[in-house]
């Protein structure tokens, strides 16, 4: 098994966040707005960790 550097509890917390984010998108009255909000939040978290996000754009 590959070492991720995360504890099992941290991995579970991350997956819960992903799951609830997807639920929020599914029920959002304005899905595009919800997706944009979540992208901003994810970008802020990545940048706080020192990860450059400009190269992570999927086209």
Protein backbone atom coordinates (compact mmCIF):
# COMPACT_ATOMS: atom_id res chain seq x y z
CA UNK A 1 0.00 0.00 0.00
CA UNK A 2 1.30 3.44 -0.94
CA UNK A 3 2.09 5.82 1.91
CA UNK A 4 0.11 9.06 1.54
CA UNK A 5 1.40 10.87 4.59
CA UNK A 6 -2.17 11.17 5.87
CA UNK A 7 -3.70 9.32 8.76
CA UNK A 8 -6.80 7.22 8.19
CA UNK A 9 -8.83 9.84 10.06
CA UNK A 10 -7.49 12.63 7.81
CA UNK A 11 -8.34 10.59 4.72
CA UNK A 12 -11.86 9.95 6.03
CA UNK A 13 -12.34 13.66 6.76
CA UNK A 14 -11.20 14.56 3.25
CA UNK A 15 -13.60 12.06 1.69
CA UNK A 16 -16.50 13.34 3.81
CA UNK A 17 -15.73 16.86 2.54
CA UNK A 18 -15.74 15.64 -1.08
CA UNK A 19 -18.99 13.74 -0.57
CA UNK A 20 -20.79 16.67 1.04
CA UNK A 21 -19.47 19.05 -1.62
CA UNK A 22 -20.95 16.82 -4.32
CA UNK A 23 -24.26 16.73 -2.46
CA UNK A 24 -24.26 20.53 -2.30
CA UNK A 25 -23.71 20.75 -6.06
CA UNK A 26 -26.50 18.26 -6.69
CA UNK A 27 -29.11 20.24 -4.73
CA UNK A 28 -27.90 23.78 -5.49
CA UNK A 29 -30.47 26.03 -7.17
CA UNK A 30 -27.59 27.50 -9.20
CA UNK A 31 -25.09 24.69 -9.80
CA UNK A 32 -22.61 26.85 -11.69
CA UNK A 33 -22.46 29.32 -8.79
CA UNK A 34 -21.99 26.48 -6.28
CA UNK A 35 -19.22 24.95 -8.41
CA UNK A 36 -17.48 28.34 -8.68
CA UNK A 37 -17.70 28.79 -4.89
CA UNK A 38 -16.23 25.36 -4.27
CA UNK A 39 -13.46 25.95 -6.81
CA UNK A 40 -12.52 29.19 -5.01
CA UNK A 41 -12.46 27.37 -1.67
CA UNK A 42 -10.31 24.53 -3.06
CA UNK A 43 -7.94 27.00 -4.73
CA UNK A 44 -7.50 28.91 -1.46
CA UNK A 45 -6.72 25.67 0.40
CA UNK A 46 -4.20 24.57 -2.23
CA UNK A 47 -2.51 27.96 -2.30
CA UNK A 48 -2.32 27.97 1.51
CA UNK A 49 -0.35 24.73 1.14
CA UNK A 50 1.98 26.37 -1.38
CA UNK A 51 0.56 24.58 -4.43
CA UNK A 52 0.40 26.63 -7.63
CA UNK A 53 -3.06 26.21 -9.12
CA UNK A 54 -2.62 27.87 -12.51
CA UNK A 55 -1.22 24.63 -13.98
CA UNK A 56 -4.14 22.54 -12.67
CA UNK A 57 -6.66 23.80 -15.24
CA UNK A 58 -8.49 21.03 -17.12
CA UNK A 59 -9.73 21.88 -20.60
